[in-house]
């Protein structure tokens, strides 16, 4: 506990600010800090939090009862991507004209989609008819995504270990090759030209 004037003097000496953080306390609690830096960091954290909130939400994908197989595969890929990112997905089957007499076609598409997504998706709102649309809401299976992330991390670690082992083995093989090359290379003595000996240079003496 210090006098307010002393606290202000300490803050000025450090070129910082005296900020009251708990005015309801008795006596009030203050902190010497860089208030400008604090505000900047707080704004950055709030901005990141808003980004995360905007990234995770409710997405919507629309199908037609007589959708083309290629279009179905494309839209299923979008649904998979949304779920993998942690989003819920609203699946809408749009009926037009006489298609309203065959709403079972829309239900077949929804059942097929759920089957194709497998453990990735959880049906949060069962299909229901709303006017000319049939709507179903699915969400990500968080436990499945967590297990998948763990498997991917484990596979990445194993791949890193194998790469390190392969690199070590390659280095050893290179070292062996270099030793073999060194063994095959002629030494200085082998490479030097042979000097003729005195006996070889001198002509042979005639006997007798």
N, C-alpha and C. Protein backbone atom coordinates (compact mmCIF):
# COMPACT_ATOMS: atom_id res chain seq x y z
N UNK A 1 0.86 -1.19 0.00
CA UNK A 1 0.00 0.00 0.00
C UNK A 1 0.89 1.23 0.00
N UNK A 2 0.67 2.08 -0.98
CA UNK A 2 1.45 3.32 -1.09
C UNK A 2 0.50 4.47 -1.37
N UNK A 3 0.98 5.66 -1.14
CA UNK A 3 0.20 6.84 -1.42
C UNK A 3 0.06 7.00 -2.94
N UNK A 4 -1.09 7.56 -3.35
CA UNK A 4 -1.36 7.72 -4.79
C UNK A 4 -0.28 8.54 -5.47
N UNK A 5 0.20 9.60 -4.80
CA UNK A 5 1.24 10.44 -5.40
C UNK A 5 2.55 9.67 -5.57
N UNK A 6 2.86 8.83 -4.59
CA UNK A 6 4.07 8.02 -4.71
C UNK A 6 3.94 7.01 -5.86
N UNK A 7 2.74 6.42 -6.00
CA UNK A 7 2.53 5.47 -7.07
C UNK A 7 2.65 6.15 -8.44
N UNK A 8 2.10 7.37 -8.55
CA UNK A 8 2.22 8.12 -9.80
C UNK A 8 3.68 8.45 -10.10
N UNK A 9 4.42 8.79 -9.06
CA UNK A 9 5.84 9.10 -9.25
C UNK A 9 6.60 7.87 -9.75
N UNK A 10 6.28 6.71 -9.18
CA UNK A 10 6.94 5.48 -9.62
C UNK A 10 6.61 5.17 -11.08
N UNK A 11 5.34 5.39 -11.46
CA UNK A 11 4.93 5.13 -12.84
C UNK A 11 5.64 6.06 -13.81
N UNK A 12 5.72 7.35 -13.43
CA UNK A 12 6.40 8.32 -14.30
C UNK A 12 7.88 8.00 -14.43
N UNK A 13 8.48 7.55 -13.34
CA UNK A 13 9.90 7.22 -13.37
C UNK A 13 10.18 6.07 -14.32
N UNK A 14 9.21 5.17 -14.45
CA UNK A 14 9.37 4.02 -15.36
C UNK A 14 8.80 4.31 -16.74
N UNK A 15 8.30 5.52 -16.93
CA UNK A 15 7.67 5.91 -18.20
C UNK A 15 6.49 4.99 -18.52
N UNK A 16 5.71 4.68 -17.47
CA UNK A 16 4.54 3.82 -17.63
C UNK A 16 3.32 4.54 -17.07
N UNK A 17 2.19 3.82 -17.03
CA UNK A 17 0.93 4.40 -16.57
C UNK A 17 0.48 3.72 -15.28
N UNK A 18 -0.22 4.48 -14.44
CA UNK A 18 -0.83 3.94 -13.24
C UNK A 18 -2.30 3.68 -13.55
N UNK A 19 -2.69 2.41 -13.60
CA UNK A 19 -4.04 2.03 -14.03
C UNK A 19 -4.77 1.41 -12.85
N UNK A 20 -5.98 1.89 -12.60
CA UNK A 20 -6.82 1.34 -11.54
C UNK A 20 -7.52 0.09 -12.07
N UNK A 21 -7.21 -1.08 -11.51
CA UNK A 21 -7.75 -2.34 -12.02
C UNK A 21 -8.88 -2.90 -11.15
N UNK A 22 -8.98 -2.45 -9.91
CA UNK A 22 -10.04 -2.93 -9.03
C UNK A 22 -10.54 -1.77 -8.18
N UNK A 23 -11.37 -0.91 -8.79
CA UNK A 23 -11.84 0.28 -8.04
C UNK A 23 -12.76 -0.07 -6.87
N UNK A 24 -13.41 -1.26 -6.90
CA UNK A 24 -14.34 -1.62 -5.83
C UNK A 24 -13.61 -2.07 -4.56
N UNK A 25 -12.33 -2.41 -4.69
CA UNK A 25 -11.59 -2.90 -3.52
C UNK A 25 -11.33 -1.76 -2.54
N UNK A 26 -11.05 -2.14 -1.32
CA UNK A 26 -10.78 -1.15 -0.28
C UNK A 26 -9.45 -1.49 0.39
N UNK A 27 -8.38 -0.79 0.08
CA UNK A 27 -8.31 0.35 -0.85
C UNK A 27 -8.29 -0.13 -2.31
N UNK A 28 -8.55 0.78 -3.27
CA UNK A 28 -8.54 0.40 -4.68
C UNK A 28 -7.17 -0.17 -5.09
N UNK A 29 -7.21 -1.11 -6.03
CA UNK A 29 -5.98 -1.75 -6.50
C UNK A 29 -5.59 -1.13 -7.84
N UNK A 30 -4.33 -0.73 -7.92
CA UNK A 30 -3.80 -0.13 -9.15
C UNK A 30 -2.61 -0.95 -9.64
N UNK A 31 -2.29 -0.73 -10.91
CA UNK A 31 -1.18 -1.46 -11.51
C UNK A 31 -0.37 -0.54 -12.40
N UNK A 32 0.94 -0.64 -12.28
CA UNK A 32 1.82 0.15 -13.15
C UNK A 32 2.05 -0.65 -14.43
N UNK A 33 1.66 -0.07 -15.56
CA UNK A 33 1.72 -0.82 -16.81
C UNK A 33 1.75 0.13 -18.00
N UNK A 34 2.02 -0.45 -19.17
CA UNK A 34 1.94 0.31 -20.42
C UNK A 34 0.52 0.17 -20.93
N UNK A 35 -0.30 1.17 -20.67
CA UNK A 35 -1.72 1.06 -20.98
C UNK A 35 -1.97 0.99 -22.49
N UNK A 36 -1.17 1.71 -23.27
CA UNK A 36 -1.33 1.66 -24.72
C UNK A 36 -1.07 0.26 -25.25
N UNK A 37 -0.02 -0.40 -24.76
CA UNK A 37 0.29 -1.76 -25.18
C UNK A 37 -0.80 -2.72 -24.74
N UNK A 38 -1.32 -2.49 -23.52
CA UNK A 38 -2.38 -3.34 -23.01
C UNK A 38 -3.63 -3.25 -23.89
N UNK A 39 -4.01 -2.04 -24.29
CA UNK A 39 -5.18 -1.87 -25.14
C UNK A 39 -4.97 -2.53 -26.50
N UNK A 40 -3.77 -2.40 -27.04
CA UNK A 40 -3.47 -3.01 -28.35
C UNK A 40 -3.60 -4.53 -28.27
N UNK A 41 -2.99 -5.13 -27.25
CA UNK A 41 -3.05 -6.58 -27.11
C UNK A 41 -4.47 -7.06 -26.87
N UNK A 42 -5.24 -6.27 -26.10
CA UNK A 42 -6.63 -6.64 -25.86
C UNK A 42 -7.44 -6.60 -27.14
N UNK A 43 -7.23 -5.57 -27.97
CA UNK A 43 -7.95 -5.47 -29.23
C UNK A 43 -7.58 -6.60 -30.18
N UNK A 44 -6.31 -7.00 -30.18
CA UNK A 44 -5.88 -8.12 -31.03
C UNK A 44 -6.58 -9.41 -30.60
N UNK A 45 -6.64 -9.65 -29.29
CA UNK A 45 -7.30 -10.86 -28.80
C UNK A 45 -8.79 -10.86 -29.14
N UNK A 46 -9.45 -9.71 -29.00
CA UNK A 46 -10.87 -9.62 -29.35
C UNK A 46 -11.09 -9.86 -30.83
N UNK A 47 -10.17 -9.33 -31.65
CA UNK A 47 -10.28 -9.53 -33.10
C UNK A 47 -10.13 -11.00 -33.46
N UNK A 48 -9.16 -11.68 -32.83
CA UNK A 48 -8.97 -13.10 -33.09
C UNK A 48 -10.19 -13.91 -32.65
N UNK A 49 -10.77 -13.52 -31.51
CA UNK A 49 -11.96 -14.22 -31.02
C UNK A 49 -13.12 -14.05 -31.99
N UNK A 50 -13.28 -12.84 -32.55
CA UNK A 50 -14.36 -12.61 -33.52
C UNK A 50 -14.13 -13.42 -34.78
N UNK A 51 -12.85 -13.55 -35.20
CA UNK A 51 -12.55 -14.35 -36.39
C UNK A 51 -12.94 -15.81 -36.17
N UNK A 52 -12.62 -16.34 -34.99
CA UNK A 52 -12.96 -17.72 -34.69
C UNK A 52 -14.47 -17.92 -34.68
N UNK A 53 -15.19 -16.95 -34.13
CA UNK A 53 -16.64 -17.06 -34.10
C UNK A 53 -17.23 -17.03 -35.50
N UNK A 54 -16.64 -16.20 -36.37
CA UNK A 54 -17.16 -16.11 -37.74
C UNK A 54 -16.81 -17.35 -38.55
N UNK A 55 -15.69 -18.00 -38.21
CA UNK A 55 -15.29 -19.19 -38.95
C UNK A 55 -16.16 -20.39 -38.58
N UNK A 56 -16.63 -20.44 -37.34
CA UNK A 56 -17.47 -21.55 -36.92
C UNK A 56 -18.89 -21.05 -36.80
N UNK A 57 -19.78 -21.63 -37.60
CA UNK A 57 -21.16 -21.20 -37.58
C UNK A 57 -22.01 -22.20 -38.33
N UNK A 58 -23.09 -21.70 -38.90
CA UNK A 58 -24.02 -22.54 -39.65
C UNK A 58 -23.87 -22.25 -41.14
N UNK A 59 -23.44 -23.26 -41.89
CA UNK A 59 -23.33 -23.15 -43.33
C UNK A 59 -24.55 -23.81 -43.97
N UNK A 60 -24.78 -23.49 -45.23
CA UNK A 60 -25.93 -24.08 -45.94
C UNK A 60 -25.53 -24.58 -47.31
N UNK A 61 -25.96 -25.77 -47.65
CA UNK A 61 -25.75 -26.36 -48.96
C UNK A 61 -27.12 -26.79 -49.50
N UNK A 62 -27.38 -26.43 -50.76
CA UNK A 62 -28.68 -26.74 -51.37
C UNK A 62 -28.53 -27.83 -52.43
N UNK A 63 -29.47 -28.77 -52.41
CA UNK A 63 -29.51 -29.85 -53.37
C UNK A 63 -30.84 -29.80 -54.13
N UNK A 64 -30.85 -30.43 -55.28
CA UNK A 64 -32.09 -30.65 -56.04
C UNK A 64 -32.41 -32.14 -56.00
N UNK A 65 -33.69 -32.52 -56.06
CA UNK A 65 -34.06 -33.94 -56.00
C UNK A 65 -33.41 -34.78 -57.10
N UNK A 66 -33.21 -34.20 -58.28
CA UNK A 66 -32.61 -34.93 -59.40
C UNK A 66 -31.21 -34.39 -59.68
N UNK A 67 -30.41 -34.31 -58.65
CA UNK A 67 -29.08 -33.74 -58.78
C UNK A 67 -28.16 -34.66 -59.58
N UNK A 68 -27.30 -34.06 -60.38
CA UNK A 68 -26.32 -34.81 -61.16
C UNK A 68 -25.27 -35.44 -60.24
N UNK A 69 -24.79 -36.66 -60.55
CA UNK A 69 -23.78 -37.31 -59.68
C UNK A 69 -22.55 -36.45 -59.45
N UNK A 70 -22.09 -35.75 -60.47
CA UNK A 70 -20.91 -34.90 -60.31
C UNK A 70 -21.20 -33.75 -59.35
N UNK A 71 -22.38 -33.12 -59.50
CA UNK A 71 -22.75 -32.03 -58.60
C UNK A 71 -22.91 -32.54 -57.16
N UNK A 72 -23.44 -33.75 -57.03
CA UNK A 72 -23.60 -34.33 -55.69
C UNK A 72 -22.24 -34.50 -55.04
N UNK A 73 -21.29 -35.03 -55.79
CA UNK A 73 -19.95 -35.25 -55.24
C UNK A 73 -19.30 -33.92 -54.84
N UNK A 74 -19.50 -32.88 -55.66
CA UNK A 74 -18.93 -31.57 -55.36
C UNK A 74 -19.53 -31.00 -54.08
N UNK A 75 -20.85 -31.08 -53.96
CA UNK A 75 -21.52 -30.52 -52.78
C UNK A 75 -21.18 -31.34 -51.54
N UNK A 76 -21.06 -32.64 -51.69
CA UNK A 76 -20.67 -33.47 -50.55
C UNK A 76 -19.27 -33.07 -50.07
N UNK A 77 -18.39 -32.74 -51.02
CA UNK A 77 -17.06 -32.27 -50.64
C UNK A 77 -17.11 -30.99 -49.84
N UNK A 78 -18.00 -30.07 -50.22
CA UNK A 78 -18.17 -28.82 -49.46
C UNK A 78 -18.66 -29.12 -48.05
N UNK A 79 -19.65 -30.03 -47.94
CA UNK A 79 -20.18 -30.39 -46.62
C UNK A 79 -19.07 -30.98 -45.75
N UNK A 80 -18.26 -31.86 -46.32
CA UNK A 80 -17.15 -32.47 -45.59
C UNK A 80 -16.18 -31.41 -45.10
N UNK A 81 -15.89 -30.43 -45.96
CA UNK A 81 -14.95 -29.37 -45.58
C UNK A 81 -15.52 -28.52 -44.45
N UNK A 82 -16.81 -28.19 -44.52
CA UNK A 82 -17.44 -27.38 -43.47
C UNK A 82 -17.42 -28.13 -42.13
N UNK A 83 -17.78 -29.41 -42.17
CA UNK A 83 -17.81 -30.19 -40.93
C UNK A 83 -16.42 -30.33 -40.34
N UNK A 84 -15.42 -30.56 -41.20
CA UNK A 84 -14.05 -30.71 -40.71
C UNK A 84 -13.54 -29.44 -40.06
N UNK A 85 -14.09 -28.28 -40.47
CA UNK A 85 -13.71 -27.00 -39.88
C UNK A 85 -14.50 -26.70 -38.61
N UNK A 86 -15.40 -27.61 -38.22
CA UNK A 86 -16.16 -27.42 -36.98
C UNK A 86 -17.49 -26.73 -37.16
N UNK A 87 -17.95 -26.56 -38.41
CA UNK A 87 -19.22 -25.89 -38.67
C UNK A 87 -20.39 -26.86 -38.72
N UNK A 88 -21.54 -26.37 -38.36
CA UNK A 88 -22.77 -27.10 -38.61
C UNK A 88 -23.21 -26.79 -40.05
N UNK A 89 -23.95 -27.71 -40.64
CA UNK A 89 -24.37 -27.52 -42.03
C UNK A 89 -25.88 -27.76 -42.14
N UNK A 90 -26.52 -26.81 -42.76
CA UNK A 90 -27.95 -26.92 -43.05
C UNK A 90 -28.10 -27.43 -44.48
N UNK A 91 -28.68 -28.62 -44.62
CA UNK A 91 -28.87 -29.23 -45.93
C UNK A 91 -30.31 -28.95 -46.37
N UNK A 92 -30.44 -28.31 -47.53
CA UNK A 92 -31.76 -27.95 -48.05
C UNK A 92 -32.00 -28.64 -49.39
N UNK A 93 -33.10 -29.38 -49.48
CA UNK A 93 -33.53 -29.98 -50.74
C UNK A 93 -34.64 -29.09 -51.30
N UNK A 94 -34.42 -28.54 -52.50
CA UNK A 94 -35.38 -27.62 -53.10
C UNK A 94 -36.25 -28.37 -54.12
N UNK A 95 -37.55 -28.28 -53.94
CA UNK A 95 -38.50 -28.91 -54.86
C UNK A 95 -39.17 -27.84 -55.73
N UNK A 96 -39.39 -28.18 -56.99
CA UNK A 96 -40.07 -27.28 -57.90
C UNK A 96 -41.19 -28.01 -58.64
N UNK A 97 -42.32 -27.30 -58.78
CA UNK A 97 -43.43 -27.84 -59.58
C UNK A 97 -43.85 -29.23 -59.15
N UNK A 98 -43.84 -30.15 -60.11
CA UNK A 98 -44.32 -31.51 -59.86
C UNK A 98 -43.40 -32.32 -58.95
N UNK A 99 -42.20 -31.80 -58.69
CA UNK A 99 -41.29 -32.50 -57.79
C UNK A 99 -41.87 -32.62 -56.38
N UNK A 100 -42.83 -31.75 -56.05
CA UNK A 100 -43.44 -31.81 -54.72
C UNK A 100 -44.20 -33.11 -54.51
N UNK A 101 -44.57 -33.78 -55.60
CA UNK A 101 -45.28 -35.06 -55.48
C UNK A 101 -44.33 -36.21 -55.19
N UNK A 102 -43.04 -35.94 -55.22
CA UNK A 102 -42.06 -37.01 -54.98
C UNK A 102 -41.02 -36.54 -53.97
N UNK A 103 -41.49 -36.11 -52.81
CA UNK A 103 -40.57 -35.63 -51.77
C UNK A 103 -39.68 -36.74 -51.24
N UNK A 104 -40.08 -38.01 -51.49
CA UNK A 104 -39.25 -39.12 -51.03
C UNK A 104 -37.88 -39.11 -51.71
N UNK A 105 -37.79 -38.50 -52.90
CA UNK A 105 -36.50 -38.40 -53.59
C UNK A 105 -35.53 -37.51 -52.78
N UNK A 106 -36.08 -36.46 -52.21
CA UNK A 106 -35.26 -35.59 -51.38
C UNK A 106 -34.78 -36.31 -50.13
N UNK A 107 -35.66 -37.10 -49.54
CA UNK A 107 -35.29 -37.84 -48.33
C UNK A 107 -34.20 -38.87 -48.64
N UNK A 108 -34.26 -39.46 -49.82
CA UNK A 108 -33.23 -40.43 -50.21
C UNK A 108 -31.86 -39.75 -50.33
N UNK A 109 -31.86 -38.52 -50.86
CA UNK A 109 -30.59 -37.79 -50.98
C UNK A 109 -30.01 -37.50 -49.61
N UNK A 110 -30.87 -37.09 -48.68
CA UNK A 110 -30.39 -36.79 -47.33
C UNK A 110 -29.85 -38.04 -46.65
N UNK A 111 -30.58 -39.14 -46.78
CA UNK A 111 -30.11 -40.40 -46.18
C UNK A 111 -28.79 -40.84 -46.81
N UNK A 112 -28.69 -40.66 -48.13
CA UNK A 112 -27.45 -41.04 -48.81
C UNK A 112 -26.28 -40.18 -48.33
N UNK A 113 -26.54 -38.89 -48.16
CA UNK A 113 -25.48 -37.98 -47.72
C UNK A 113 -24.99 -38.34 -46.33
N UNK A 114 -25.91 -38.62 -45.42
CA UNK A 114 -25.53 -38.99 -44.06
C UNK A 114 -24.73 -40.28 -44.08
N UNK A 115 -25.14 -41.23 -44.92
CA UNK A 115 -24.40 -42.47 -45.02
C UNK A 115 -23.01 -42.28 -45.58
N UNK A 116 -22.88 -41.40 -46.58
CA UNK A 116 -21.57 -41.15 -47.18
C UNK A 116 -20.63 -40.42 -46.22
N UNK A 117 -21.18 -39.56 -45.38
CA UNK A 117 -20.34 -38.81 -44.43
C UNK A 117 -19.86 -39.69 -43.29
N UNK A 118 -20.61 -40.73 -42.98
CA UNK A 118 -20.19 -41.68 -41.96
C UNK A 118 -20.05 -41.06 -40.58
N UNK A 119 -18.94 -41.39 -39.91
CA UNK A 119 -18.73 -40.94 -38.52
C UNK A 119 -18.43 -39.45 -38.42
N UNK A 120 -18.19 -38.79 -39.54
CA UNK A 120 -17.86 -37.37 -39.49
C UNK A 120 -19.04 -36.52 -39.06
N UNK A 121 -20.27 -36.95 -39.38
CA UNK A 121 -21.45 -36.12 -39.18
C UNK A 121 -22.40 -36.71 -38.15
N UNK A 122 -23.07 -35.82 -37.44
CA UNK A 122 -24.14 -36.18 -36.51
C UNK A 122 -25.38 -35.39 -36.91
N UNK A 123 -26.49 -36.08 -37.06
CA UNK A 123 -27.75 -35.40 -37.43
C UNK A 123 -28.29 -34.70 -36.19
N UNK A 124 -28.35 -33.36 -36.26
CA UNK A 124 -28.84 -32.58 -35.12
C UNK A 124 -30.31 -32.19 -35.28
N UNK A 125 -30.79 -32.12 -36.50
CA UNK A 125 -32.21 -31.83 -36.75
C UNK A 125 -32.66 -32.74 -37.88
N UNK A 126 -33.57 -33.64 -37.58
CA UNK A 126 -34.03 -34.60 -38.56
C UNK A 126 -34.73 -33.88 -39.73
N UNK A 127 -34.76 -34.49 -40.90
CA UNK A 127 -35.39 -33.85 -42.08
C UNK A 127 -36.85 -33.50 -41.81
N UNK A 128 -37.19 -32.29 -42.23
CA UNK A 128 -38.59 -31.86 -42.12
C UNK A 128 -38.93 -30.97 -43.31
N UNK A 129 -40.19 -31.01 -43.68
CA UNK A 129 -40.66 -30.25 -44.84
C UNK A 129 -41.07 -28.85 -44.41
N UNK A 130 -40.53 -27.85 -45.09
CA UNK A 130 -40.91 -26.46 -44.84
C UNK A 130 -41.26 -25.84 -46.20
N UNK A 131 -42.55 -25.84 -46.50
CA UNK A 131 -42.98 -25.31 -47.80
C UNK A 131 -42.46 -26.20 -48.93
N UNK A 132 -41.73 -25.62 -49.85
CA UNK A 132 -41.17 -26.37 -50.97
C UNK A 132 -39.76 -26.88 -50.68
N UNK A 133 -39.31 -26.77 -49.46
CA UNK A 133 -37.97 -27.21 -49.09
C UNK A 133 -38.01 -28.29 -48.02
N UNK A 134 -37.09 -29.22 -48.11
CA UNK A 134 -36.89 -30.20 -47.06
C UNK A 134 -35.54 -29.88 -46.41
N UNK A 135 -35.53 -29.73 -45.09
CA UNK A 135 -34.35 -29.22 -44.39
C UNK A 135 -33.88 -30.22 -43.35
N UNK A 136 -32.57 -30.36 -43.27
CA UNK A 136 -31.93 -31.18 -42.25
C UNK A 136 -30.66 -30.46 -41.79
N UNK A 137 -30.36 -30.53 -40.51
CA UNK A 137 -29.16 -29.90 -39.96
C UNK A 137 -28.25 -30.98 -39.41
N UNK A 138 -27.00 -30.96 -39.83
CA UNK A 138 -26.00 -31.90 -39.33
C UNK A 138 -24.85 -31.12 -38.71
N UNK A 139 -24.18 -31.75 -37.77
CA UNK A 139 -23.04 -31.13 -37.10
C UNK A 139 -21.84 -32.05 -37.10
N UNK A 140 -20.68 -31.51 -36.79
CA UNK A 140 -19.47 -32.34 -36.78
C UNK A 140 -19.41 -33.24 -35.55
N UNK A 141 -18.90 -34.43 -35.74
CA UNK A 141 -18.65 -35.34 -34.64
C UNK A 141 -17.30 -34.97 -34.04
N UNK A 142 -17.31 -34.22 -32.96
CA UNK A 142 -16.07 -33.68 -32.39
C UNK A 142 -15.13 -34.79 -31.93
N UNK A 143 -15.68 -35.83 -31.35
CA UNK A 143 -14.82 -36.93 -30.89
C UNK A 143 -14.11 -37.59 -32.08
N UNK A 144 -14.84 -37.74 -33.17
CA UNK A 144 -14.24 -38.34 -34.37
C UNK A 144 -13.13 -37.44 -34.91
N UNK A 145 -13.38 -36.13 -34.93
CA UNK A 145 -12.37 -35.19 -35.42
C UNK A 145 -11.14 -35.19 -34.53
N UNK A 146 -11.34 -35.29 -33.21
CA UNK A 146 -10.21 -35.34 -32.28
C UNK A 146 -9.38 -36.60 -32.51
N UNK A 147 -10.08 -37.74 -32.66
CA UNK A 147 -9.36 -39.00 -32.92
C UNK A 147 -8.61 -38.93 -34.24
N UNK A 148 -9.24 -38.32 -35.25
CA UNK A 148 -8.59 -38.20 -36.55
C UNK A 148 -7.34 -37.33 -36.46
N UNK A 149 -7.44 -36.24 -35.69
CA UNK A 149 -6.28 -35.36 -35.51
C UNK A 149 -5.15 -36.10 -34.80
N UNK A 150 -5.50 -36.92 -33.80
CA UNK A 150 -4.47 -37.69 -33.10
C UNK A 150 -3.81 -38.69 -34.03
N UNK A 151 -4.61 -39.34 -34.88
CA UNK A 151 -4.05 -40.30 -35.82
C UNK A 151 -3.11 -39.62 -36.81
N UNK A 152 -3.52 -38.45 -37.29
CA UNK A 152 -2.67 -37.71 -38.22
C UNK A 152 -1.37 -37.28 -37.56
N UNK A 153 -1.46 -36.83 -36.30
CA UNK A 153 -0.25 -36.42 -35.57
C UNK A 153 0.67 -37.62 -35.36
N UNK A 154 0.06 -38.78 -35.02
CA UNK A 154 0.87 -39.99 -34.81
C UNK A 154 1.54 -40.42 -36.12
N UNK A 155 0.78 -40.34 -37.21
CA UNK A 155 1.35 -40.71 -38.51
C UNK A 155 2.48 -39.76 -38.90
N UNK A 156 2.31 -38.48 -38.58
CA UNK A 156 3.36 -37.50 -38.90
C UNK A 156 4.62 -37.79 -38.10
N UNK A 157 4.46 -38.16 -36.82
CA UNK A 157 5.63 -38.50 -36.00
C UNK A 157 6.34 -39.73 -36.53
N UNK A 158 5.55 -40.76 -36.92
CA UNK A 158 6.15 -41.97 -37.46
C UNK A 158 6.89 -41.68 -38.76
N UNK A 159 6.28 -40.83 -39.61
CA UNK A 159 6.93 -40.47 -40.87
C UNK A 159 8.24 -39.73 -40.61
N UNK A 160 8.22 -38.86 -39.60
CA UNK A 160 9.44 -38.12 -39.26
C UNK A 160 10.53 -39.06 -38.78
N UNK A 161 10.13 -40.07 -37.95
CA UNK A 161 11.11 -41.03 -37.46
C UNK A 161 11.69 -41.84 -38.62
N UNK A 162 10.82 -42.28 -39.55
CA UNK A 162 11.29 -43.06 -40.69
C UNK A 162 12.23 -42.23 -41.56
N UNK A 163 11.87 -40.95 -41.74
CA UNK A 163 12.72 -40.08 -42.55
C UNK A 163 14.08 -39.89 -41.90
N UNK A 164 14.07 -39.74 -40.55
CA UNK A 164 15.33 -39.57 -39.85
C UNK A 164 16.18 -40.83 -39.93
N UNK A 165 15.52 -42.01 -39.79
CA UNK A 165 16.24 -43.27 -39.89
C UNK A 165 16.79 -43.48 -41.29
N UNK A 166 15.96 -43.13 -42.29
CA UNK A 166 16.41 -43.26 -43.68
C UNK A 166 17.57 -42.33 -43.96
N UNK A 167 17.52 -41.14 -43.41
CA UNK A 167 18.61 -40.19 -43.60
C UNK A 167 19.88 -40.69 -42.96
N UNK A 168 19.75 -41.30 -41.76
CA UNK A 168 20.93 -41.84 -41.09
C UNK A 168 21.52 -43.00 -41.89
N UNK A 169 20.63 -43.88 -42.39
CA UNK A 169 21.11 -45.01 -43.19
C UNK A 169 21.78 -44.54 -44.47
N UNK A 170 21.21 -43.51 -45.07
CA UNK A 170 21.80 -42.96 -46.30
C UNK A 170 23.17 -42.38 -46.01
N UNK A 171 23.29 -41.68 -44.88
CA UNK A 171 24.59 -41.11 -44.51
C UNK A 171 25.61 -42.22 -44.29
N UNK A 172 25.19 -43.33 -43.64
CA UNK A 172 26.11 -44.45 -43.42
C UNK A 172 26.55 -45.06 -44.73
N UNK A 173 25.57 -45.21 -45.67
CA UNK A 173 25.90 -45.79 -46.96
C UNK A 173 26.87 -44.91 -47.72
N UNK A 174 26.66 -43.61 -47.64
CA UNK A 174 27.57 -42.69 -48.31
C UNK A 174 28.95 -42.78 -47.71
N UNK A 175 29.03 -42.91 -46.37
CA UNK A 175 30.32 -43.03 -45.70
C UNK A 175 31.04 -44.30 -46.14
N UNK A 176 30.27 -45.43 -46.25
CA UNK A 176 30.87 -46.69 -46.70
C UNK A 176 31.38 -46.56 -48.12
N UNK A 177 30.57 -45.93 -48.99
CA UNK A 177 31.00 -45.73 -50.37
C UNK A 177 32.28 -44.91 -50.43
N UNK A 178 32.36 -43.91 -49.58
CA UNK A 178 33.56 -43.07 -49.59
C UNK A 178 34.78 -43.87 -49.12
N UNK A 179 34.58 -44.72 -48.11
CA UNK A 179 35.68 -45.56 -47.63
C UNK A 179 36.14 -46.51 -48.72
N UNK A 180 35.17 -47.06 -49.47
CA UNK A 180 35.52 -47.97 -50.55
C UNK A 180 36.29 -47.24 -51.64
N UNK A 181 35.84 -46.03 -51.95
CA UNK A 181 36.54 -45.24 -52.97
C UNK A 181 37.96 -44.93 -52.51
N UNK A 182 38.09 -44.61 -51.21
CA UNK A 182 39.41 -44.31 -50.68
C UNK A 182 40.33 -45.52 -50.76
N UNK A 183 39.74 -46.70 -50.52
CA UNK A 183 40.54 -47.92 -50.56
C UNK A 183 41.01 -48.23 -51.97
N UNK A 184 40.16 -47.90 -52.96
CA UNK A 184 40.51 -48.18 -54.34
C UNK A 184 41.45 -47.14 -54.94
N UNK A 185 41.49 -45.95 -54.39
CA UNK A 185 42.35 -44.91 -54.93
C UNK A 185 43.81 -45.26 -54.67
N UNK A 186 44.71 -45.05 -55.66
CA UNK A 186 46.13 -45.35 -55.45
C UNK A 186 46.74 -44.43 -54.41
N UNK A 187 47.64 -44.97 -53.63
CA UNK A 187 48.33 -44.16 -52.64
C UNK A 187 49.40 -43.34 -53.32
N UNK A 188 50.03 -42.47 -52.55
CA UNK A 188 51.09 -41.62 -53.12
C UNK A 188 52.25 -42.46 -53.61
N UNK A 189 52.51 -43.53 -52.84
CA UNK A 189 53.62 -44.39 -53.25
C UNK A 189 53.28 -45.15 -54.52
N UNK A 190 52.01 -45.62 -54.60
CA UNK A 190 51.60 -46.37 -55.80
C UNK A 190 51.58 -45.48 -57.02
N UNK A 191 51.19 -44.23 -56.83
CA UNK A 191 51.04 -43.33 -57.96
C UNK A 191 52.37 -42.80 -58.45
N UNK A 192 53.41 -42.80 -57.61
CA UNK A 192 54.71 -42.22 -58.00
C UNK A 192 55.37 -43.09 -59.06
N UNK A 193 56.00 -42.47 -60.07
CA UNK A 193 56.68 -43.26 -61.11
C UNK A 193 57.86 -43.99 -60.51
N UNK A 194 58.14 -45.15 -61.04
CA UNK A 194 59.25 -45.95 -60.54
C UNK A 194 60.57 -45.36 -61.02
N UNK A 195 61.50 -45.18 -60.09
CA UNK A 195 62.84 -44.69 -60.45
C UNK A 195 63.71 -45.89 -60.82
N UNK A 196 64.44 -45.83 -61.93
CA UNK A 196 65.30 -46.95 -62.30
C UNK A 196 66.41 -47.13 -61.26
N UNK A 197 66.69 -48.36 -60.93
CA UNK A 197 67.76 -48.65 -59.96
C UNK A 197 69.10 -48.53 -60.64
N UNK A 198 70.15 -48.51 -59.81
CA UNK A 198 71.50 -48.37 -60.36
C UNK A 198 71.86 -49.55 -61.25
N UNK A 199 71.40 -50.74 -60.81
CA UNK A 199 71.71 -51.93 -61.58
C UNK A 199 71.03 -51.90 -62.94
N UNK A 200 69.81 -51.35 -62.96
CA UNK A 200 69.05 -51.31 -64.21
C UNK A 200 69.66 -50.31 -65.15
N UNK A 201 70.26 -49.21 -64.60
CA UNK A 201 70.81 -48.16 -65.46
C UNK A 201 72.14 -48.57 -66.01
N UNK A 202 72.99 -49.18 -65.15
CA UNK A 202 74.35 -49.55 -65.59
C UNK A 202 74.29 -50.68 -66.58
N UNK A 203 75.06 -50.63 -67.65
CA UNK A 203 75.07 -51.72 -68.62
C UNK A 203 75.71 -52.95 -68.01
N UNK A 204 75.27 -54.06 -68.40
CA UNK A 204 75.79 -55.30 -67.84
C UNK A 204 77.23 -55.50 -68.27
N UNK A 205 78.08 -55.86 -67.32
CA UNK A 205 79.52 -56.07 -67.63
C UNK A 205 79.71 -57.35 -68.38
N UNK A 206 80.64 -57.27 -69.35
CA UNK A 206 80.89 -58.48 -70.13
C UNK A 206 81.65 -59.48 -69.25
N UNK A 207 81.17 -60.63 -69.30
CA UNK A 207 81.83 -61.67 -68.53
C UNK A 207 83.12 -62.08 -69.24
N UNK A 208 84.16 -62.23 -68.53
CA UNK A 208 85.48 -62.61 -69.10
C UNK A 208 86.12 -61.39 -69.68
